[in-house]
Amino acid sequence: MDILQTQLNELLGQYIWLEGLLGLAVLGLVTLLVKVLSGYVTRKVIAFIHRRFTDNTRHGLLMDTNLLARTAQMLPVLVFQSGIGLVPGLHPTLAMLAYKGATIVSIFRGVRVVDALLSAYLTTRQRQGKPGRSLKSSVQLLKILMYVLGLVWMIAALTDQQPLILLSGLGAASAVILLLFKDTLLSFIAGLQLTSSDTLRVGDWIEMPQVGADGDVIDIALHTVKVQNFDKTITMIPTWRLMAESFRNFRGMHDAGGRRIKRTLRLDMTTVRFMEASELKKLAEIELLEDYLNRKMDELTVRNEERRERLGPKRCEQLANQRRLTNIGTFRAYVLAYLRAHPGVHQNMSLMVRLMEPTPEGVPLELYCFTNTTTWAVYEGIQSDIFDHLIAIMPVFGLRLYQQPSGRDMRAGLGTVRYAGAGRREQGSDGVQSMEQAGGREQPV
């Protein structure tokens, strides 16, 4: 045994560098063993945490597997870095290179651990149902700064310089840095303004026609805001554009609890007329018009009697000297009463029915009201029910919707003209025949 040890010492004395390589090999095996053990323990810990805290969002930081795995990866690197100085016979240059390499790897692993920690924190906030003012842009900016500082630290480790000295040297390159990170800085400032003023949240419905966005905000990141349009496409908007340009946010509509209906019925002007007493009597049987017509008839009776006494019976026979109800005014009163009685219309918000300026396409009758829901499908159903009913009941008031002539209407009109022309030609031929029968005397047709 002594002889073997003596021979080994003589061999190592002749090849002193072999001792350092053997020491590095042993250190590598120890590092590998530590890595395997730390990985095994980490998997066991992760499995235990998932069984114990699966439904508890407060332990989101512990449940994040990336955080635990990256933390476990730090241990082998630290063991290798600490063991470099214990390897005997290692050449100083090789020892320095190994130590610096281990230092760079440990810095990188440390940055990755902090990255996972920030991601786990953000995930925990989202699991707790606190999307509100998005933290994602701030977390991403912190990650960028952290990686930049890690890079400076690694360069300092390679060059044996203090990190503060390298950072002070960056002042001379500030113009280049600002140019490189221009979009990042603009987006970060815009994100701060959007979140601090509560202008935009995840879940808001926004409309920005200049970029083709019309849908719900599903993500607010450092550089972009992701919008899922209603056709399920995704629009990516640079964050700074939301501050530099205008967009519409429909959150106020959801908060108010009502969605606006603003639509017109275009009435044919040729159907607008005064109503006869018999028609008013029949319309008074409609429940929604009963009070209105009784009140208006009493009011008109008093006014017309006053005019009769002032102008005399003969002059009051003129329609222009009488107060009479029109079918369009009565229909407008019916629409207003119908909206006030509709269960789907919000009664505490603006509600009106008004006549707009006549156009070549008829007289617009505008309905302006709000539904008591903001759900899209329910809103469209309420709006459709209202206009279905109004279009169907319009003939009861002697009114008709304006509709531009179609090809069928034109053919029907031309057919009527041809029929009338054929009738006149037939009458003309009958007249000539009668004149011939009368001995040449012209007979009136």
Foldseek 3Di string as FASTA:
>chain_A
DVVVVVVVVVVCVVVVQVQLVVLLVVLVVVLVVQLVVLVVVLVVQLVVCCVPCVPPLVCLLVNQSQLSNLVSVLVSLVSSLVCLVVRPSHDPVVSLVSNLVSVLVNLVSVLSNVLSNLVSVQVSCVVVVNQQLHCAAVSVVVSVVSVVLSVLVSVCSVVVHDSVVVVVVCVVVVVVVCVVCVLLVLLQVLSCVCRVVSVDTQQWAKFDVVQPAGAGFHDRHRQWTWGQHPVRDITTHGSNVPVVDDMDTCVVCVVVQWDKDKDWFFWAPVQKDFDDPVLLVVVCVDPLCVVVSVVVVVVQVVVLVVLCVVPNPVVSVDPVSGDTDMLVVSLQSSLQSVLCPDPFFDPVDDWHWDWDDADPQHIIIITITITSHDDPVVVVVVVVVSVVVSQVCSVSSRIHTGDDDDPVNVVVVVVVVVVVVVVVVVVVVVQVVVCVVVVNDRDDD
